[in-house]
Amino acid sequence: MTISHSSEDSKLKNLLSSSYASIKSKCGFFELDGETDIDTRGKELVFERSRYAYNDAVEFFEDNFLSDITSLGIDIAYKEDGDSIEEV
């Protein structure tokens, strides 16, 4: 999204916040400002979902990013269990 004005800041913040909550509920916890692979992938999904929501197409997001959502959720679950992907 290329936005060159601040009139939509509030709307964009709400979209980002709701997208973060949605991705966390599906995948598990990650840090938006973190630097791990999981955090980076989670943040990317938040941005993508926000883009879909901004364009009134959020109903297509899950189908189009299902493999990314599933992969992130699995990696977060392994991380929470203390296992690494390489050990599997």
PDB file of N, CA and C in Angstrom:
ATOM      1  N   MET A   1       0.840  -1.171   0.000  1.00  0.00           N
ATOM      2  CA  MET A   1       0.000   0.000   0.000  1.00  0.00           C
ATOM      3  C   MET A   1       0.888   1.239   0.000  1.00  0.00           C
ATOM      4  N   THR A   2       0.696   2.070  -0.954  1.00  0.00           N
ATOM      5  CA  THR A   2       1.436   3.315  -1.014  1.00  0.00           C
ATOM      6  C   THR A   2       0.496   4.435  -0.597  1.00  0.00           C
ATOM      7  N   ILE A   3       0.727   4.950   0.577  1.00  0.00           N
ATOM      8  CA  ILE A   3      -0.123   6.004   1.118  1.00  0.00           C
ATOM      9  C   ILE A   3       0.774   7.171   1.481  1.00  0.00           C
ATOM     10  N   SER A   4       0.504   8.318   0.885  1.00  0.00           N
ATOM     11  CA  SER A   4       1.385   9.465   1.065  1.00  0.00           C
ATOM     12  C   SER A   4       0.787  10.553   1.953  1.00  0.00           C
ATOM     13  N   HIS A   5      -0.233  10.225   2.694  1.00  0.00           N
ATOM     14  CA  HIS A   5      -0.856  11.191   3.590  1.00  0.00           C
ATOM     15  C   HIS A   5      -1.168  10.515   4.909  1.00  0.00           C
ATOM     16  N   SER A   6      -1.495  11.293   5.904  1.00  0.00           N
ATOM     17  CA  SER A   6      -1.714  10.721   7.238  1.00  0.00           C
ATOM     18  C   SER A   6      -3.192  10.629   7.610  1.00  0.00           C
ATOM     19  N   SER A   7      -4.081  10.939   6.699  1.00  0.00           N
ATOM     20  CA  SER A   7      -5.500  10.939   7.036  1.00  0.00           C
ATOM     21  C   SER A   7      -6.043   9.546   7.347  1.00  0.00           C
ATOM     22  N   GLU A   8      -5.364   8.508   6.897  1.00  0.00           N
ATOM     23  CA  GLU A   8      -5.836   7.145   7.141  1.00  0.00           C
ATOM     24  C   GLU A   8      -5.025   6.418   8.216  1.00  0.00           C
ATOM     25  N   ASP A   9      -4.198   7.132   8.944  1.00  0.00           N
ATOM     26  CA  ASP A   9      -3.347   6.501   9.956  1.00  0.00           C
ATOM     27  C   ASP A   9      -4.143   5.678  10.953  1.00  0.00           C
ATOM     28  N   SER A  10      -5.244   6.227  11.435  1.00  0.00           N
ATOM     29  CA  SER A  10      -6.051   5.516  12.424  1.00  0.00           C
ATOM     30  C   SER A  10      -6.617   4.218  11.843  1.00  0.00           C
ATOM     31  N   LYS A  11      -7.125   4.292  10.629  1.00  0.00           N
ATOM     32  CA  LYS A  11      -7.670   3.102   9.972  1.00  0.00           C
ATOM     33  C   LYS A  11      -6.584   2.044   9.785  1.00  0.00           C
ATOM     34  N   LEU A  12      -5.408   2.485   9.331  1.00  0.00           N
ATOM     35  CA  LEU A  12      -4.309   1.545   9.102  1.00  0.00           C
ATOM     36  C   LEU A  12      -3.834   0.907  10.405  1.00  0.00           C
ATOM     37  N   LYS A  13      -3.769   1.673  11.473  1.00  0.00           N
ATOM     38  CA  LYS A  13      -3.381   1.120  12.776  1.00  0.00           C
ATOM     39  C   LYS A  13      -4.380   0.074  13.230  1.00  0.00           C
ATOM     40  N   ASN A  14      -5.661   0.333  13.021  1.00  0.00           N
ATOM     41  CA  ASN A  14      -6.692  -0.644  13.386  1.00  0.00           C
ATOM     42  C   ASN A  14      -6.579  -1.910  12.541  1.00  0.00           C
ATOM     43  N   LEU A  15      -6.322  -1.745  11.242  1.00  0.00           N
ATOM     44  CA  LEU A  15      -6.146  -2.914  10.368  1.00  0.00           C
ATOM     45  C   LEU A  15      -4.949  -3.747  10.801  1.00  0.00           C
ATOM     46  N   LEU A  16      -3.840  -3.087  11.101  1.00  0.00           N
ATOM     47  CA  LEU A  16      -2.636  -3.804  11.545  1.00  0.00           C
ATOM     48  C   LEU A  16      -2.877  -4.511  12.873  1.00  0.00           C
ATOM     49  N   SER A  17      -3.546  -3.837  13.783  1.00  0.00           N
ATOM     50  CA  SER A  17      -3.824  -4.427  15.099  1.00  0.00           C
ATOM     51  C   SER A  17      -4.731  -5.651  14.976  1.00  0.00           C
ATOM     52  N   SER A  18      -5.798  -5.528  14.199  1.00  0.00           N
ATOM     53  CA  SER A  18      -6.708  -6.671  14.047  1.00  0.00           C
ATOM     54  C   SER A  18      -6.046  -7.801  13.268  1.00  0.00           C
ATOM     55  N   SER A  19      -5.187  -7.467  12.329  1.00  0.00           N
ATOM     56  CA  SER A  19      -4.475  -8.500  11.576  1.00  0.00           C
ATOM     57  C   SER A  19      -3.487  -9.243  12.466  1.00  0.00           C
ATOM     58  N   TYR A  20      -2.797  -8.509  13.334  1.00  0.00           N
ATOM     59  CA  TYR A  20      -1.872  -9.148  14.281  1.00  0.00           C
ATOM     60  C   TYR A  20      -2.632 -10.101  15.197  1.00  0.00           C
ATOM     61  N   ALA A  21      -3.775  -9.653  15.706  1.00  0.00           N
ATOM     62  CA  ALA A  21      -4.581 -10.515  16.577  1.00  0.00           C
ATOM     63  C   ALA A  21      -5.062 -11.760  15.830  1.00  0.00           C
ATOM     64  N   SER A  22      -5.462 -11.589  14.590  1.00  0.00           N
ATOM     65  CA  SER A  22      -5.951 -12.720  13.801  1.00  0.00           C
ATOM     66  C   SER A  22      -4.852 -13.745  13.526  1.00  0.00           C
ATOM     67  N   ILE A  23      -3.688 -13.273  13.115  1.00  0.00           N
ATOM     68  CA  ILE A  23      -2.579 -14.190  12.820  1.00  0.00           C
ATOM     69  C   ILE A  23      -2.112 -14.887  14.096  1.00  0.00           C
ATOM     70  N   LYS A  24      -2.033 -14.160  15.205  1.00  0.00           N
ATOM     71  CA  LYS A  24      -1.643 -14.784  16.491  1.00  0.00           C
ATOM     72  C   LYS A  24      -2.638 -15.854  16.898  1.00  0.00           C
ATOM     73  N   SER A  25      -3.922 -15.611  16.679  1.00  0.00           N
ATOM     74  CA  SER A  25      -4.922 -16.602  17.089  1.00  0.00           C
ATOM     75  C   SER A  25      -4.827 -17.876  16.252  1.00  0.00           C
ATOM     76  N   LYS A  26      -4.382 -17.754  15.025  1.00  0.00           N
ATOM     77  CA  LYS A  26      -4.254 -18.923  14.152  1.00  0.00           C
ATOM     78  C   LYS A  26      -2.917 -19.642  14.314  1.00  0.00           C
ATOM     79  N   CYS A  27      -1.854 -18.874  14.558  1.00  0.00           N
ATOM     80  CA  CYS A  27      -0.501 -19.438  14.517  1.00  0.00           C
ATOM     81  C   CYS A  27       0.163 -19.549  15.881  1.00  0.00           C
ATOM     82  N   GLY A  28      -0.136 -18.645  16.780  1.00  0.00           N
ATOM     83  CA  GLY A  28       0.554 -18.583  18.057  1.00  0.00           C
ATOM     84  C   GLY A  28       1.280 -17.257  18.183  1.00  0.00           C
ATOM     85  N   PHE A  29       1.945 -17.070  19.300  1.00  0.00           N
ATOM     86  CA  PHE A  29       2.565 -15.789  19.614  1.00  0.00           C
ATOM     87  C   PHE A  29       3.871 -15.576  18.852  1.00  0.00           C
ATOM     88  N   PHE A  30       4.050 -14.370  18.357  1.00  0.00           N
ATOM     89  CA  PHE A  30       5.312 -13.913  17.771  1.00  0.00           C
ATOM     90  C   PHE A  30       5.416 -12.416  18.030  1.00  0.00           C
ATOM     91  N   GLU A  31       6.622 -11.910  17.953  1.00  0.00           N
ATOM     92  CA  GLU A  31       6.880 -10.493  18.215  1.00  0.00           C
ATOM     93  C   GLU A  31       6.872  -9.717  16.903  1.00  0.00           C
ATOM     94  N   LEU A  32       6.113  -8.642  16.852  1.00  0.00           N
ATOM     95  CA  LEU A  32       6.112  -7.809  15.653  1.00  0.00           C
ATOM     96  C   LEU A  32       7.445  -7.116  15.442  1.00  0.00           C
ATOM     97  N   ASP A  33       8.114  -6.783  16.536  1.00  0.00           N
ATOM     98  CA  ASP A  33       9.395  -6.096  16.404  1.00  0.00           C
ATOM     99  C   ASP A  33      10.577  -7.039  16.604  1.00  0.00           C
ATOM    100  N   GLY A  34      10.299  -8.338  16.635  1.00  0.00           N
ATOM    101  CA  GLY A  34      11.361  -9.330  16.791  1.00  0.00           C
ATOM    102  C   GLY A  34      12.153  -9.513  15.516  1.00  0.00           C
ATOM    103  N   GLU A  35      13.289 -10.176  15.644  1.00  0.00           N
ATOM    104  CA  GLU A  35      14.169 -10.352  14.491  1.00  0.00           C
ATOM    105  C   GLU A  35      14.388 -11.809  14.111  1.00  0.00           C
ATOM    106  N   THR A  36      13.681 -12.723  14.775  1.00  0.00           N
ATOM    107  CA  THR A  36      13.826 -14.125  14.411  1.00  0.00           C
ATOM    108  C   THR A  36      13.083 -14.405  13.104  1.00  0.00           C
ATOM    109  N   ASP A  37      13.347 -15.560  12.526  1.00  0.00           N
ATOM    110  CA  ASP A  37      12.660 -15.969  11.306  1.00  0.00           C
ATOM    111  C   ASP A  37      11.148 -16.024  11.532  1.00  0.00           C
ATOM    112  N   ILE A  38      10.739 -16.565  12.663  1.00  0.00           N
ATOM    113  CA  ILE A  38       9.315 -16.661  12.984  1.00  0.00           C
ATOM    114  C   ILE A  38       8.696 -15.275  13.078  1.00  0.00           C
ATOM    115  N   ASP A  39       9.369 -14.354  13.755  1.00  0.00           N
ATOM    116  CA  ASP A  39       8.852 -12.989  13.887  1.00  0.00           C
ATOM    117  C   ASP A  39       8.728 -12.313  12.526  1.00  0.00           C
ATOM    118  N   THR A  40       9.725 -12.476  11.695  1.00  0.00           N
ATOM    119  CA  THR A  40       9.721 -11.853  10.365  1.00  0.00           C
ATOM    120  C   THR A  40       8.589 -12.402   9.509  1.00  0.00           C
ATOM    121  N   ARG A  41       8.413 -13.710   9.530  1.00  0.00           N
ATOM    122  CA  ARG A  41       7.331 -14.332   8.755  1.00  0.00           C
ATOM    123  C   ARG A  41       5.968 -13.929   9.288  1.00  0.00           C
ATOM    124  N   GLY A  42       5.840 -13.849  10.610  1.00  0.00           N
ATOM    125  CA  GLY A  42       4.591 -13.411  11.210  1.00  0.00           C
ATOM    126  C   GLY A  42       4.254 -11.980  10.832  1.00  0.00           C
ATOM    127  N   LYS A  43       5.264 -11.115  10.884  1.00  0.00           N
ATOM    128  CA  LYS A  43       5.053  -9.718  10.523  1.00  0.00           C
ATOM    129  C   LYS A  43       4.630  -9.592   9.059  1.00  0.00           C
ATOM    130  N   GLU A  44       5.244 -10.380   8.204  1.00  0.00           N
ATOM    131  CA  GLU A  44       4.874 -10.350   6.789  1.00  0.00           C
ATOM    132  C   GLU A  44       3.412 -10.746   6.596  1.00  0.00           C
ATOM    133  N   LEU A  45       2.968 -11.774   7.315  1.00  0.00           N
ATOM    134  CA  LEU A  45       1.567 -12.175   7.225  1.00  0.00           C
ATOM    135  C   LEU A  45       0.636 -11.087   7.738  1.00  0.00           C
ATOM    136  N   VAL A  46       1.038 -10.379   8.782  1.00  0.00           N
ATOM    137  CA  VAL A  46       0.237  -9.270   9.303  1.00  0.00           C
ATOM    138  C   VAL A  46       0.092  -8.191   8.221  1.00  0.00           C
ATOM    139  N   PHE A  47       1.189  -7.844   7.572  1.00  0.00           N
ATOM    140  CA  PHE A  47       1.129  -6.837   6.512  1.00  0.00           C
ATOM    141  C   PHE A  47       0.249  -7.303   5.350  1.00  0.00           C
ATOM    142  N   GLU A  48       0.404  -8.562   4.963  1.00  0.00           N
ATOM    143  CA  GLU A  48      -0.394  -9.082   3.846  1.00  0.00           C
ATOM    144  C   GLU A  48      -1.880  -9.093   4.181  1.00  0.00           C
ATOM    145  N   ARG A  49      -2.228  -9.542   5.390  1.00  0.00           N
ATOM    146  CA  ARG A  49      -3.639  -9.559   5.777  1.00  0.00           C
ATOM    147  C   ARG A  49      -4.190  -8.141   5.839  1.00  0.00           C
ATOM    148  N   SER A  50      -3.389  -7.213   6.321  1.00  0.00           N
ATOM    149  CA  SER A  50      -3.815  -5.810   6.379  1.00  0.00           C
ATOM    150  C   SER A  50      -4.062  -5.262   4.978  1.00  0.00           C
ATOM    151  N   ARG A  51      -3.216  -5.646   4.045  1.00  0.00           N
ATOM    152  CA  ARG A  51      -3.385  -5.211   2.656  1.00  0.00           C
ATOM    153  C   ARG A  51      -4.701  -5.747   2.088  1.00  0.00           C
ATOM    154  N   TYR A  52      -4.980  -7.006   2.360  1.00  0.00           N
ATOM    155  CA  TYR A  52      -6.247  -7.587   1.905  1.00  0.00           C
ATOM    156  C   TYR A  52      -7.429  -6.876   2.560  1.00  0.00           C
ATOM    157  N   ALA A  53      -7.337  -6.627   3.854  1.00  0.00           N
ATOM    158  CA  ALA A  53      -8.429  -5.950   4.566  1.00  0.00           C
ATOM    159  C   ALA A  53      -8.625  -4.532   4.037  1.00  0.00           C
ATOM    160  N   TYR A  54      -7.544  -3.837   3.777  1.00  0.00           N
ATOM    161  CA  TYR A  54      -7.616  -2.473   3.261  1.00  0.00           C
ATOM    162  C   TYR A  54      -8.347  -2.436   1.927  1.00  0.00           C
ATOM    163  N   ASN A  55      -8.162  -3.464   1.128  1.00  0.00           N
ATOM    164  CA  ASN A  55      -8.793  -3.546  -0.186  1.00  0.00           C
ATOM    165  C   ASN A  55     -10.108  -4.322  -0.174  1.00  0.00           C
ATOM    166  N   ASP A  56     -10.694  -4.500   1.022  1.00  0.00           N
ATOM    167  CA  ASP A  56     -11.977  -5.195   1.189  1.00  0.00           C
ATOM    168  C   ASP A  56     -11.980  -6.582   0.566  1.00  0.00           C
ATOM    169  N   ALA A  57     -10.877  -7.316   0.773  1.00  0.00           N
ATOM    170  CA  ALA A  57     -10.771  -8.666   0.216  1.00  0.00           C
ATOM    171  C   ALA A  57     -10.241  -9.653   1.252  1.00  0.00           C
ATOM    172  N   VAL A  58     -10.456  -9.359   2.531  1.00  0.00           N
ATOM    173  CA  VAL A  58      -9.882 -10.196   3.593  1.00  0.00           C
ATOM    174  C   VAL A  58     -10.382 -11.639   3.522  1.00  0.00           C
ATOM    175  N   GLU A  59     -11.548 -11.850   2.922  1.00  0.00           N
ATOM    176  CA  GLU A  59     -12.079 -13.214   2.825  1.00  0.00           C
ATOM    177  C   GLU A  59     -11.218 -14.109   1.928  1.00  0.00           C
ATOM    178  N   PHE A  60     -10.347 -13.523   1.124  1.00  0.00           N
ATOM    179  CA  PHE A  60      -9.465 -14.296   0.253  1.00  0.00           C
ATOM    180  C   PHE A  60      -8.087 -14.546   0.866  1.00  0.00           C
ATOM    181  N   PHE A  61      -7.786 -13.859   1.942  1.00  0.00           N
ATOM    182  CA  PHE A  61      -6.456 -13.942   2.533  1.00  0.00           C
ATOM    183  C   PHE A  61      -6.094 -15.361   2.959  1.00  0.00           C
ATOM    184  N   GLU A  62      -6.967 -16.001   3.726  1.00  0.00           N
ATOM    185  CA  GLU A  62      -6.638 -17.328   4.262  1.00  0.00           C
ATOM    186  C   GLU A  62      -6.381 -18.348   3.167  1.00  0.00           C
ATOM    187  N   ASP A  63      -7.216 -18.355   2.148  1.00  0.00           N
ATOM    188  CA  ASP A  63      -7.012 -19.306   1.045  1.00  0.00           C
ATOM    189  C   ASP A  63      -5.695 -19.047   0.330  1.00  0.00           C
ATOM    190  N   ASN A  64      -5.369 -17.783   0.114  1.00  0.00           N
ATOM    191  CA  ASN A  64      -4.160 -17.446  -0.631  1.00  0.00           C
ATOM    192  C   ASN A  64      -2.872 -17.617   0.173  1.00  0.00           C
ATOM    193  N   PHE A  65      -2.968 -17.606   1.498  1.00  0.00           N
ATOM    194  CA  PHE A  65      -1.774 -17.712   2.342  1.00  0.00           C
ATOM    195  C   PHE A  65      -1.837 -18.917   3.292  1.00  0.00           C
ATOM    196  N   LEU A  66      -2.667 -19.896   2.954  1.00  0.00           N
ATOM    197  CA  LEU A  66      -2.854 -21.046   3.830  1.00  0.00           C
ATOM    198  C   LEU A  66      -1.553 -21.776   4.140  1.00  0.00           C
ATOM    199  N   SER A  67      -0.714 -21.989   3.156  1.00  0.00           N
ATOM    200  CA  SER A  67       0.534 -22.716   3.406  1.00  0.00           C
ATOM    201  C   SER A  67       1.458 -21.904   4.320  1.00  0.00           C
ATOM    202  N   ASP A  68       1.492 -20.585   4.156  1.00  0.00           N
ATOM    203  CA  ASP A  68       2.322 -19.739   5.030  1.00  0.00           C
ATOM    204  C   ASP A  68       1.794 -19.729   6.460  1.00  0.00           C
ATOM    205  N   ILE A  69       0.482 -19.654   6.600  1.00  0.00           N
ATOM    206  CA  ILE A  69      -0.143 -19.653   7.923  1.00  0.00           C
ATOM    207  C   ILE A  69       0.123 -20.983   8.623  1.00  0.00           C
ATOM    208  N   THR A  70      -0.087 -22.075   7.909  1.00  0.00           N
ATOM    209  CA  THR A  70       0.133 -23.407   8.477  1.00  0.00           C
ATOM    210  C   THR A  70       1.595 -23.611   8.859  1.00  0.00           C
ATOM    211  N   SER A  71       2.489 -23.241   7.978  1.00  0.00           N
ATOM    212  CA  SER A  71       3.919 -23.383   8.237  1.00  0.00           C
ATOM    213  C   SER A  71       4.358 -22.583   9.459  1.00  0.00           C
ATOM    214  N   LEU A  72       3.893 -21.349   9.556  1.00  0.00           N
ATOM    215  CA  LEU A  72       4.241 -20.524  10.713  1.00  0.00           C
ATOM    216  C   LEU A  72       3.680 -21.132  11.995  1.00  0.00           C
ATOM    217  N   GLY A  73       2.437 -21.582  11.962  1.00  0.00           N
ATOM    218  CA  GLY A  73       1.833 -22.201  13.140  1.00  0.00           C
ATOM    219  C   GLY A  73       2.594 -23.427  13.613  1.00  0.00           C
ATOM    220  N   ILE A  74       3.023 -24.252  12.678  1.00  0.00           N
ATOM    221  CA  ILE A  74       3.799 -25.448  13.021  1.00  0.00           C
ATOM    222  C   ILE A  74       5.137 -25.061  13.637  1.00  0.00           C
ATOM    223  N   ASP A  75       5.821 -24.093  13.032  1.00  0.00           N
ATOM    224  CA  ASP A  75       7.117 -23.659  13.559  1.00  0.00           C
ATOM    225  C   ASP A  75       6.989 -23.054  14.949  1.00  0.00           C
ATOM    226  N   ILE A  76       5.933 -22.283  15.178  1.00  0.00           N
ATOM    227  CA  ILE A  76       5.713 -21.715  16.511  1.00  0.00           C
ATOM    228  C   ILE A  76       5.425 -22.816  17.516  1.00  0.00           C
ATOM    229  N   ALA A  77       4.644 -23.820  17.119  1.00  0.00           N
ATOM    230  CA  ALA A  77       4.348 -24.936  18.019  1.00  0.00           C
ATOM    231  C   ALA A  77       5.616 -25.691  18.387  1.00  0.00           C
ATOM    232  N   TYR A  78       6.487 -25.939  17.402  1.00  0.00           N
ATOM    233  CA  TYR A  78       7.768 -26.603  17.695  1.00  0.00           C
ATOM    234  C   TYR A  78       8.611 -25.762  18.636  1.00  0.00           C
ATOM    235  N   LYS A  79       8.639 -24.465  18.400  1.00  0.00           N
ATOM    236  CA  LYS A  79       9.421 -23.563  19.246  1.00  0.00           C
ATOM    237  C   LYS A  79       8.904 -23.594  20.683  1.00  0.00           C
ATOM    238  N   GLU A  80       7.576 -23.588  20.848  1.00  0.00           N
ATOM    239  CA  GLU A  80       6.978 -23.611  22.184  1.00  0.00           C
ATOM    240  C   GLU A  80       7.288 -24.916  22.905  1.00  0.00           C
ATOM    241  N   ASP A  81       7.402 -26.013  22.157  1.00  0.00           N
ATOM    242  CA  ASP A  81       7.714 -27.305  22.763  1.00  0.00           C
ATOM    243  C   ASP A  81       9.197 -27.464  23.045  1.00  0.00           C
ATOM    244  N   GLY A  82      10.004 -26.497  22.587  1.00  0.00           N
ATOM    245  CA  GLY A  82      11.436 -26.563  22.822  1.00  0.00           C
ATOM    246  C   GLY A  82      12.176 -27.374  21.796  1.00  0.00           C
ATOM    247  N   ASP A  83      11.489 -27.814  20.771  1.00  0.00           N
ATOM    248  CA  ASP A  83      12.131 -28.584  19.710  1.00  0.00           C
ATOM    249  C   ASP A  83      12.543 -27.629  18.601  1.00  0.00           C
ATOM    250  N   SER A  84      13.493 -28.036  17.819  1.00  0.00           N
ATOM    251  CA  SER A  84      13.833 -27.261  16.636  1.00  0.00           C
ATOM    252  C   SER A  84      13.387 -28.062  15.415  1.00  0.00           C
ATOM    253  N   ILE A  85      13.161 -27.386  14.346  1.00  0.00           N
ATOM    254  CA  ILE A  85      12.711 -28.033  13.111  1.00  0.00           C
ATOM    255  C   ILE A  85      13.762 -29.032  12.624  1.00  0.00           C
ATOM    256  N   GLU A  86      15.040 -28.715  12.826  1.00  0.00           N
ATOM    257  CA  GLU A  86      16.094 -29.596  12.353  1.00  0.00           C
ATOM    258  C   GLU A  86      16.084 -30.949  13.044  1.00  0.00           C
ATOM    259  N   GLU A  87      15.534 -31.033  14.268  1.00  0.00           N
ATOM    260  CA  GLU A  87      15.537 -32.278  15.031  1.00  0.00           C
ATOM    261  C   GLU A  87      14.471 -33.239  14.549  1.00  0.00           C
ATOM    262  N   VAL A  88      13.497 -32.749  13.791  1.00  0.00           N
ATOM    263  CA  VAL A  88      12.377 -33.586  13.382  1.00  0.00           C
ATOM    264  C   VAL A  88      12.726 -34.432  12.210  1.00  0.00           C
TER     265      VAL A  88
END
